[in-house]
C-alpha atoms as a PDB file:
ATOM      1  CA  MET A   1       2.924  21.467 -15.440  1.00  0.00           C
ATOM      2  CA  SER A   2       5.748  19.185 -14.333  1.00  0.00           C
ATOM      3  CA  SER A   3       6.454  16.096 -16.424  1.00  0.00           C
ATOM      4  CA  GLU A   4       6.780  14.329 -13.053  1.00  0.00           C
ATOM      5  CA  PHE A   5       3.035  14.836 -12.610  1.00  0.00           C
ATOM      6  CA  TRP A   6       2.129  12.878 -15.741  1.00  0.00           C
ATOM      7  CA  LEU A   7       4.577  10.105 -14.879  1.00  0.00           C
ATOM      8  CA  PHE A   8       2.898   9.616 -11.526  1.00  0.00           C
ATOM      9  CA  VAL A   9      -0.586   9.866 -13.030  1.00  0.00           C
ATOM     10  CA  ALA A  10       0.383   6.799 -15.048  1.00  0.00           C
ATOM     11  CA  VAL A  11       1.949   5.096 -12.019  1.00  0.00           C
ATOM     12  CA  GLY A  12      -1.085   5.838  -9.835  1.00  0.00           C
ATOM     13  CA  PHE A  13      -3.540   4.688 -12.512  1.00  0.00           C
ATOM     14  CA  ALA A  14      -1.690   1.420 -13.186  1.00  0.00           C
ATOM     15  CA  ALA A  15      -1.126   0.739  -9.486  1.00  0.00           C
ATOM     16  CA  GLN A  16      -4.809   1.258  -8.664  1.00  0.00           C
ATOM     17  CA  LEU A  17      -5.903  -1.013 -11.531  1.00  0.00           C
ATOM     18  CA  VAL A  18      -3.544  -3.699 -10.242  1.00  0.00           C
ATOM     19  CA  ASP A  19      -4.830  -3.148  -6.701  1.00  0.00           C
ATOM     20  CA  GLY A  20      -8.376  -3.549  -7.944  1.00  0.00           C
ATOM     21  CA  ALA A  21      -7.550  -6.786  -9.734  1.00  0.00           C
ATOM     22  CA  LEU A  22      -5.342  -8.381  -7.056  1.00  0.00           C
ATOM     23  CA  GLY A  23      -6.524  -6.662  -3.879  1.00  0.00           C
ATOM     24  CA  MET A  24      -2.979  -5.447  -3.242  1.00  0.00           C
ATOM     25  CA  ALA A  25       0.105  -3.639  -4.578  1.00  0.00           C
ATOM     26  CA  TYR A  26      -0.905   0.066  -4.824  1.00  0.00           C
ATOM     27  CA  GLY A  27       1.309   1.115  -1.925  1.00  0.00           C
ATOM     28  CA  VAL A  28       4.055  -1.370  -2.779  1.00  0.00           C
ATOM     29  CA  ILE A  29       4.334  -0.168  -6.396  1.00  0.00           C
ATOM     30  CA  CYS A  30       4.151   3.556  -5.587  1.00  0.00           C
ATOM     31  CA  SER A  31       6.600   3.333  -2.676  1.00  0.00           C
ATOM     32  CA  THR A  32       9.070   1.264  -4.690  1.00  0.00           C
ATOM     33  CA  VAL A  33       9.016   3.802  -7.539  1.00  0.00           C
ATOM     34  CA  LEU A  34       9.469   6.749  -5.149  1.00  0.00           C
ATOM     35  CA  LEU A  35      12.360   5.069  -3.346  1.00  0.00           C
ATOM     36  CA  ALA A  36      13.960   4.247  -6.695  1.00  0.00           C
ATOM     37  CA  LEU A  37      13.845   7.984  -7.485  1.00  0.00           C
ATOM     38  CA  GLY A  38      15.749   8.785  -4.302  1.00  0.00           C
ATOM     39  CA  VAL A  39      12.890   9.770  -1.981  1.00  0.00           C
ATOM     40  CA  SER A  40      13.545   9.000   1.703  1.00  0.00           C
ATOM     41  CA  PRO A  41      11.498   6.175   3.316  1.00  0.00           C
ATOM     42  CA  ALA A  42       9.515   8.534   5.586  1.00  0.00           C
ATOM     43  CA  ASN A  43       8.769  10.996   2.767  1.00  0.00           C
ATOM     44  CA  ALA A  44       7.796   8.128   0.469  1.00  0.00           C
ATOM     45  CA  SER A  45       5.430   6.626   3.049  1.00  0.00           C
ATOM     46  CA  ALA A  46       3.914  10.043   3.859  1.00  0.00           C
ATOM     47  CA  SER A  47       3.388  10.756   0.143  1.00  0.00           C
ATOM     48  CA  VAL A  48       1.832   7.382  -0.608  1.00  0.00           C
ATOM     49  CA  HIS A  49      -0.523   7.515   2.379  1.00  0.00           C
ATOM     50  CA  ALA A  50      -1.610  11.042   1.482  1.00  0.00           C
ATOM     51  CA  ALA A  51      -2.496   9.730  -1.977  1.00  0.00           C
ATOM     52  CA  LYS A  52      -4.219   6.660  -0.511  1.00  0.00           C
ATOM     53  CA  VAL A  53      -6.598   8.851   1.495  1.00  0.00           C
ATOM     54  CA  PHE A  54      -8.155   9.996  -1.790  1.00  0.00           C
ATOM     55  CA  THR A  55      -7.812   6.802  -3.812  1.00  0.00           C
ATOM     56  CA  GLY A  56      -8.966   4.803  -0.787  1.00  0.00           C
ATOM     57  CA  ALA A  57     -12.079   6.952  -0.435  1.00  0.00           C
ATOM     58  CA  ALA A  58     -12.969   6.405  -4.099  1.00  0.00           C
ATOM     59  CA  SER A  59     -12.314   2.676  -3.796  1.00  0.00           C
ATOM     60  CA  ALA A  60     -14.291   2.395  -0.532  1.00  0.00           C
ATOM     61  CA  ILE A  61     -17.321   4.161  -2.035  1.00  0.00           C
ATOM     62  CA  SER A  62     -17.220   1.829  -5.037  1.00  0.00           C
ATOM     63  CA  HIS A  63     -16.991  -1.329  -2.888  1.00  0.00           C
ATOM     64  CA  ILE A  64     -19.738  -0.176  -0.513  1.00  0.00           C
ATOM     65  CA  TYR A  65     -21.975   0.625  -3.493  1.00  0.00           C
ATOM     66  CA  HIS A  66     -21.386  -2.859  -4.939  1.00  0.00           C
ATOM     67  CA  ARG A  67     -21.964  -4.460  -1.498  1.00  0.00           C
ATOM     68  CA  ASN A  68     -18.483  -5.938  -1.288  1.00  0.00           C
ATOM     69  CA  VAL A  69     -18.001  -5.025   2.386  1.00  0.00           C
ATOM     70  CA  GLY A  70     -18.427  -7.150   5.523  1.00  0.00           C
ATOM     71  CA  TRP A  71     -19.154  -4.631   8.267  1.00  0.00           C
ATOM     72  CA  ARG A  72     -17.913  -6.546  11.333  1.00  0.00           C
ATOM     73  CA  LEU A  73     -14.728  -7.508   9.517  1.00  0.00           C
ATOM     74  CA  LEU A  74     -14.331  -3.892   8.386  1.00  0.00           C
ATOM     75  CA  LEU A  75     -14.640  -2.564  11.950  1.00  0.00           C
ATOM     76  CA  LEU A  76     -12.000  -4.906  13.394  1.00  0.00           C
ATOM     77  CA  LEU A  77      -9.586  -4.571  10.472  1.00  0.00           C
ATOM     78  CA  ALA A  78      -9.884  -0.781  10.510  1.00  0.00           C
ATOM     79  CA  LEU A  79      -9.340  -0.531  14.282  1.00  0.00           C
ATOM     80  CA  GLY A  80      -6.263  -2.746  14.068  1.00  0.00           C
ATOM     81  CA  GLY A  81      -4.995  -0.919  10.986  1.00  0.00           C
ATOM     82  CA  VAL A  82      -5.360   2.512  12.597  1.00  0.00           C
ATOM     83  CA  LEU A  83      -3.456   1.466  15.725  1.00  0.00           C
ATOM     84  CA  GLY A  84      -0.744  -0.391  13.817  1.00  0.00           C
ATOM     85  CA  GLY A  85      -0.370   2.461  11.339  1.00  0.00           C
ATOM     86  CA  ILE A  86       0.094   5.070  14.065  1.00  0.00           C
ATOM     87  CA  VAL A  87       2.722   2.943  15.840  1.00  0.00           C
ATOM     88  CA  GLY A  88       4.512   2.293  12.542  1.00  0.00           C
ATOM     89  CA  THR A  89       4.511   5.998  11.678  1.00  0.00           C
ATOM     90  CA  TYR A  90       5.980   6.894  15.067  1.00  0.00           C
ATOM     91  CA  LEU A  91       8.756   4.347  14.558  1.00  0.00           C
ATOM     92  CA  LEU A  92       9.505   5.481  11.000  1.00  0.00           C
ATOM     93  CA  THR A  93       9.725   9.155  11.978  1.00  0.00           C
ATOM     94  CA  SER A  94      11.969   8.329  14.948  1.00  0.00           C
ATOM     95  CA  ILE A  95      14.740   6.751  12.881  1.00  0.00           C
ATOM     96  CA  ASP A  96      17.138   8.375  10.430  1.00  0.00           C
ATOM     97  CA  GLY A  97      16.093   7.654   6.841  1.00  0.00           C
ATOM     98  CA  GLU A  98      19.505   6.343   5.788  1.00  0.00           C
ATOM     99  CA  VAL A  99      19.491   3.879   8.687  1.00  0.00           C
ATOM    100  CA  ILE A 100      16.052   2.457   8.025  1.00  0.00           C
ATOM    101  CA  LYS A 101      16.146   2.498   4.205  1.00  0.00           C
ATOM    102  CA  PRO A 102      17.850  -0.932   3.846  1.00  0.00           C
ATOM    103  CA  TYR A 103      15.100  -2.472   5.986  1.00  0.00           C
ATOM    104  CA  VAL A 104      12.361  -0.749   3.990  1.00  0.00           C
ATOM    105  CA  VAL A 105      13.932  -1.923   0.722  1.00  0.00           C
ATOM    106  CA  GLY A 106      14.158  -5.425   2.192  1.00  0.00           C
ATOM    107  CA  TRP A 107      10.493  -5.313   3.225  1.00  0.00           C
ATOM    108  CA  LEU A 108       9.373  -4.225  -0.249  1.00  0.00           C
ATOM    109  CA  GLY A 109      11.538  -6.972  -1.749  1.00  0.00           C
ATOM    110  CA  LEU A 110       9.829  -9.486   0.544  1.00  0.00           C
ATOM    111  CA  MET A 111       6.432  -8.209  -0.585  1.00  0.00           C
ATOM    112  CA  GLY A 112       7.557  -8.730  -4.181  1.00  0.00           C
ATOM    113  CA  LEU A 113       8.483 -12.329  -3.340  1.00  0.00           C
ATOM    114  CA  VAL A 114       5.085 -12.866  -1.675  1.00  0.00           C
ATOM    115  CA  ILE A 115       3.402 -11.673  -4.866  1.00  0.00           C
ATOM    116  CA  LEU A 116       5.631 -13.964  -6.967  1.00  0.00           C
ATOM    117  CA  TYR A 117       4.749 -16.868  -4.679  1.00  0.00           C
ATOM    118  CA  ARG A 118       1.095 -16.114  -5.236  1.00  0.00           C
ATOM    119  CA  ALA A 119       1.627 -16.189  -9.009  1.00  0.00           C
ATOM    120  CA  TRP A 120       3.605 -19.431  -8.874  1.00  0.00           C
ATOM    121  CA  ARG A 121       1.388 -21.435  -6.538  1.00  0.00           C
ATOM    122  CA  GLN A 122      -1.898 -19.567  -7.043  1.00  0.00           C
ATOM    123  CA  ALA A 123      -2.034 -19.698  -3.264  1.00  0.00           C
ATOM    124  CA  ARG A 124      -1.797 -17.225  -0.411  1.00  0.00           C
ATOM    125  CA  PRO A 125       0.335 -17.603   2.711  1.00  0.00           C
ATOM    126  CA  LYS A 126      -1.635 -17.880   5.939  1.00  0.00           C
ATOM    127  CA  LEU A 127      -0.434 -15.539   8.673  1.00  0.00           C
ATOM    128  CA  PHE A 128      -3.514 -15.271  10.857  1.00  0.00           C
ATOM    129  CA  SER A 129      -7.008 -16.675  10.791  1.00  0.00           C
ATOM    130  CA  TRP A 130      -9.502 -14.297   9.180  1.00  0.00           C
ATOM    131  CA  ARG A 131     -11.601 -14.891  12.292  1.00  0.00           C
ATOM    132  CA  LEU A 132      -9.036 -12.805  14.227  1.00  0.00           C
ATOM    133  CA  PRO A 133      -9.034  -9.674  12.078  1.00  0.00           C
ATOM    134  CA  PHE A 134      -7.871  -7.174  14.713  1.00  0.00           C
ATOM    135  CA  PRO A 135      -4.283  -8.538  15.014  1.00  0.00           C
ATOM    136  CA  LEU A 136      -4.228  -8.967  11.243  1.00  0.00           C
ATOM    137  CA  GLY A 137      -5.149  -5.297  10.756  1.00  0.00           C
ATOM    138  CA  LEU A 138      -2.619  -4.303  13.426  1.00  0.00           C
ATOM    139  CA  THR A 139       0.178  -6.142  11.589  1.00  0.00           C
ATOM    140  CA  GLY A 140      -0.861  -4.876   8.164  1.00  0.00           C
ATOM    141  CA  GLY A 141      -1.135  -1.265   9.347  1.00  0.00           C
ATOM    142  CA  PHE A 142       2.255  -1.340  11.067  1.00  0.00           C
ATOM    143  CA  PHE A 143       4.169  -2.695   8.078  1.00  0.00           C
ATOM    144  CA  ASP A 144       2.243  -0.518   5.638  1.00  0.00           C
ATOM    145  CA  ALA A 145       3.276   2.613   7.554  1.00  0.00           C
ATOM    146  CA  VAL A 146       6.911   1.564   7.972  1.00  0.00           C
ATOM    147  CA  GLY A 147       7.378   0.283   4.436  1.00  0.00           C
ATOM    148  CA  GLY A 148       4.982   2.538   2.548  1.00  0.00           C
ATOM    149  CA  GLY A 149       3.188  -0.584   1.321  1.00  0.00           C
ATOM    150  CA  GLY A 150       2.157  -3.977   2.616  1.00  0.00           C
ATOM    151  CA  TRP A 151      -1.466  -3.662   3.713  1.00  0.00           C
ATOM    152  CA  GLY A 152      -2.797  -5.649   0.752  1.00  0.00           C
ATOM    153  CA  PRO A 153      -0.084  -8.341   0.630  1.00  0.00           C
ATOM    154  CA  VAL A 154      -0.473  -8.971   4.368  1.00  0.00           C
ATOM    155  CA  VAL A 155      -4.224  -8.530   4.888  1.00  0.00           C
ATOM    156  CA  THR A 156      -5.809  -9.552   1.581  1.00  0.00           C
ATOM    157  CA  SER A 157      -3.506 -12.560   1.118  1.00  0.00           C
ATOM    158  CA  THR A 158      -4.227 -13.788   4.639  1.00  0.00           C
ATOM    159  CA  LEU A 159      -7.991 -13.406   4.323  1.00  0.00           C
ATOM    160  CA  LEU A 160      -8.068 -15.209   0.972  1.00  0.00           C
ATOM    161  CA  GLY A 161      -5.679 -17.918   2.175  1.00  0.00           C
ATOM    162  CA  SER A 162      -7.856 -18.494   5.236  1.00  0.00           C
ATOM    163  CA  GLY A 163     -10.970 -19.106   3.179  1.00  0.00           C
ATOM    164  CA  ALA A 164     -12.752 -15.747   3.153  1.00  0.00           C
ATOM    165  CA  ASP A 165     -15.012 -14.905   0.205  1.00  0.00           C
ATOM    166  CA  PRO A 166     -12.758 -13.184  -2.402  1.00  0.00           C
ATOM    167  CA  ARG A 167     -15.217 -10.378  -3.169  1.00  0.00           C
ATOM    168  CA  GLN A 168     -15.752  -9.601   0.519  1.00  0.00           C
ATOM    169  CA  ALA A 169     -12.043  -9.965   1.330  1.00  0.00           C
ATOM    170  CA  ILE A 170     -10.881  -7.533  -1.351  1.00  0.00           C
ATOM    171  CA  GLY A 171     -13.734  -5.070  -0.853  1.00  0.00           C
ATOM    172  CA  THR A 172     -13.467  -4.997   2.940  1.00  0.00           C
ATOM    173  CA  THR A 173      -9.661  -4.787   2.934  1.00  0.00           C
ATOM    174  CA  ASN A 174      -9.678  -1.877   0.478  1.00  0.00           C
ATOM    175  CA  THR A 175     -12.338  -0.061   2.495  1.00  0.00           C
ATOM    176  CA  ALA A 176     -10.475  -0.567   5.795  1.00  0.00           C
ATOM    177  CA  GLU A 177      -7.316   0.725   4.103  1.00  0.00           C
ATOM    178  CA  PHE A 178      -8.960   4.138   3.772  1.00  0.00           C
ATOM    179  CA  PHE A 179      -9.291   4.507   7.554  1.00  0.00           C
ATOM    180  CA  MET A 180      -5.749   3.260   8.104  1.00  0.00           C
ATOM    181  CA  SER A 181      -4.413   5.747   5.533  1.00  0.00           C
ATOM    182  CA  VAL A 182      -6.238   8.655   7.184  1.00  0.00           C
ATOM    183  CA  ALA A 183      -4.741   7.701  10.556  1.00  0.00           C
ATOM    184  CA  VAL A 184      -1.219   7.347   9.132  1.00  0.00           C
ATOM    185  CA  SER A 185      -1.466  10.673   7.283  1.00  0.00           C
ATOM    186  CA  ALA A 186      -2.712  12.382  10.458  1.00  0.00           C
ATOM    187  CA  ALA A 187       0.161  10.806  12.410  1.00  0.00           C
ATOM    188  CA  PHE A 188       2.712  12.119   9.883  1.00  0.00           C
ATOM    189  CA  ILE A 189       1.206  15.624  10.082  1.00  0.00           C
ATOM    190  CA  THR A 190       1.176  15.513  13.897  1.00  0.00           C
ATOM    191  CA  ALA A 191       4.802  14.341  13.987  1.00  0.00           C
ATOM    192  CA  LEU A 192       5.783  17.178  11.634  1.00  0.00           C
ATOM    193  CA  LEU A 193       3.889  19.895  13.537  1.00  0.00           C
ATOM    194  CA  THR A 194       5.132  18.807  16.961  1.00  0.00           C
ATOM    195  CA  GLY A 195       8.758  18.650  15.842  1.00  0.00           C
ATOM    196  CA  HIS A 196       9.007  14.879  16.401  1.00  0.00           C
ATOM    197  CA  TRP A 197       9.719  14.460  12.682  1.00  0.00           C
ATOM    198  CA  GLU A 198      12.110  16.838  11.002  1.00  0.00           C
ATOM    199  CA  THR A 199      12.339  16.340   7.268  1.00  0.00           C
ATOM    200  CA  THR A 200      13.385  18.157   4.125  1.00  0.00           C
ATOM    201  CA  GLY A 201      12.295  17.783   0.536  1.00  0.00           C
ATOM    202  CA  LEU A 202       8.734  16.734   1.307  1.00  0.00           C
ATOM    203  CA  THR A 203       7.224  19.501  -0.846  1.00  0.00           C
ATOM    204  CA  ASP A 204       9.683  18.707  -3.649  1.00  0.00           C
ATOM    205  CA  HIS A 205       7.489  15.745  -4.538  1.00  0.00           C
ATOM    206  CA  LEU A 206       4.153  17.554  -4.455  1.00  0.00           C
ATOM    207  CA  TRP A 207       3.470  16.891  -8.142  1.00  0.00           C
ATOM    208  CA  SER A 208       4.245  13.211  -7.568  1.00  0.00           C
ATOM    209  CA  VAL A 209       1.594  13.001  -4.847  1.00  0.00           C
ATOM    210  CA  VAL A 210      -0.970  14.926  -6.929  1.00  0.00           C
ATOM    211  CA  GLY A 211      -0.239  12.623  -9.864  1.00  0.00           C
ATOM    212  CA  LEU A 212      -0.695   9.499  -7.732  1.00  0.00           C
ATOM    213  CA  ILE A 213      -4.008  10.890  -6.465  1.00  0.00           C
ATOM    214  CA  ALA A 214      -5.275  11.825  -9.939  1.00  0.00           C
ATOM    215  CA  GLY A 215      -4.324   8.507 -11.527  1.00  0.00           C
ATOM    216  CA  GLY A 216      -5.614   6.442  -8.621  1.00  0.00           C
ATOM    217  CA  VAL A 217      -8.945   8.263  -8.303  1.00  0.00           C
ATOM    218  CA  VAL A 218      -9.623   7.835 -12.031  1.00  0.00           C
ATOM    219  CA  ALA A 219      -8.773   4.121 -11.869  1.00  0.00           C
ATOM    220  CA  ALA A 220     -10.634   3.304  -8.628  1.00  0.00           C
ATOM    221  CA  PRO A 221     -14.180   3.232 -10.088  1.00  0.00           C
ATOM    222  CA  VAL A 222     -13.108   0.741 -12.761  1.00  0.00           C
ATOM    223  CA  ALA A 223     -11.483  -1.629 -10.243  1.00  0.00           C
ATOM    224  CA  GLY A 224     -14.454  -3.982 -10.525  1.00  0.00           C
ATOM    225  CA  TRP A 225     -14.026  -4.116 -14.275  1.00  0.00           C
ATOM    226  CA  ALA A 226     -10.286  -4.720 -13.846  1.00  0.00           C
ATOM    227  CA  THR A 227     -11.025  -7.666 -11.559  1.00  0.00           C
ATOM    228  CA  LYS A 228     -13.077  -9.301 -14.299  1.00  0.00           C
ATOM    229  CA  VAL A 229     -10.982  -8.697 -17.421  1.00  0.00           C
ATOM    230  CA  LEU A 230      -7.309  -8.500 -16.435  1.00  0.00           C
ATOM    231  CA  PRO A 231      -5.376 -11.804 -16.542  1.00  0.00           C
ATOM    232  CA  HIS A 232      -4.727 -12.305 -12.847  1.00  0.00           C
ATOM    233  CA  ARG A 233      -1.820 -14.727 -12.987  1.00  0.00           C
ATOM    234  CA  ALA A 234       0.117 -12.872 -15.687  1.00  0.00           C
ATOM    235  CA  LEU A 235      -0.494  -9.578 -13.898  1.00  0.00           C
ATOM    236  CA  THR A 236       0.658 -11.069 -10.593  1.00  0.00           C
ATOM    237  CA  TRP A 237       3.886 -12.280 -12.198  1.00  0.00           C
ATOM    238  CA  LEU A 238       4.449  -8.856 -13.763  1.00  0.00           C
ATOM    239  CA  VAL A 239       3.956  -6.961 -10.488  1.00  0.00           C
ATOM    240  CA  GLY A 240       6.063  -9.419  -8.514  1.00  0.00           C
ATOM    241  CA  VAL A 241       8.964  -9.200 -10.964  1.00  0.00           C
ATOM    242  CA  LEU A 242       8.711  -5.390 -11.106  1.00  0.00           C
ATOM    243  CA  VAL A 243       8.685  -4.867  -7.336  1.00  0.00           C
ATOM    244  CA  THR A 244      11.351  -7.502  -6.621  1.00  0.00           C
ATOM    245  CA  GLY A 245      13.578  -6.196  -9.425  1.00  0.00           C
ATOM    246  CA  LEU A 246      13.350  -2.592  -8.252  1.00  0.00           C
ATOM    247  CA  ALA A 247      14.027  -3.626  -4.661  1.00  0.00           C
ATOM    248  CA  ALA A 248      17.063  -5.664  -5.766  1.00  0.00           C
ATOM    249  CA  TRP A 249      18.365  -2.706  -7.780  1.00  0.00           C
ATOM    250  CA  GLN A 250      17.956  -0.375  -4.798  1.00  0.00           C
ATOM    251  CA  ALA A 251      19.727  -2.895  -2.546  1.00  0.00           C
ATOM    252  CA  TRP A 252      22.596  -3.025  -5.045  1.00  0.00           C
ATOM    253  CA  MET A 253      22.816   0.796  -5.052  1.00  0.00           C
ATOM    254  CA  LEU A 254      22.857   0.852  -1.243  1.00  0.00           C
ATOM    255  CA  PHE A 255      25.737  -1.582  -0.862  1.00  0.00           C
ATOM    256  CA  VAL A 256      28.050  -0.816  -3.799  1.00  0.00           C
END
């Protein structure tokens, strides 16, 4: 079995634990690592969303079981996320990977800075009111599809910053992410089958995707435990520095 598999088991496990504790960062961490290994933006996003279908299902089941889901909020976030994700996927598969990569790297770097801001101020930036969840889901789904990560930093941060109950915000956001990930994965498959998206090397990273799925699915049921015991502020600093540092390194490689 490929050593790449075990590497991404560890990445998927750690990313899902972080996501469970902070309500964000699974997609950002996984996409940043894949891009750092030379994977194209579209292939990275497709791989991460394929993994998130499985990890998202496990996480959604756990949150529903523990009654962490607000159903009206879930419906509106999911509808917005599905639409935004499909539009973002269409855009990503319409543009050459080398052209869009600097923007994707910049987006992931921005997400790293948002996470660092959260660690520094113990506050969350307000983008939309949580009482208007459809446009929030639309925005989160679009940037998550284009950048391979961003749903949590956009949606969870906004809900928490706007005064939503933390347990409901994290649980509902993670559950809605499952539906968004299914839609994005279906959009990638449709684009591939119809010839809209022509790509190479997608199957070269099969073990990476399987590893992300395996690690994430194992970690998802213990997300509630992670929320209680992991030091949130230290973990937030660590993730923010990691994501921002990797994005800065990729930017340096792009322009030197």
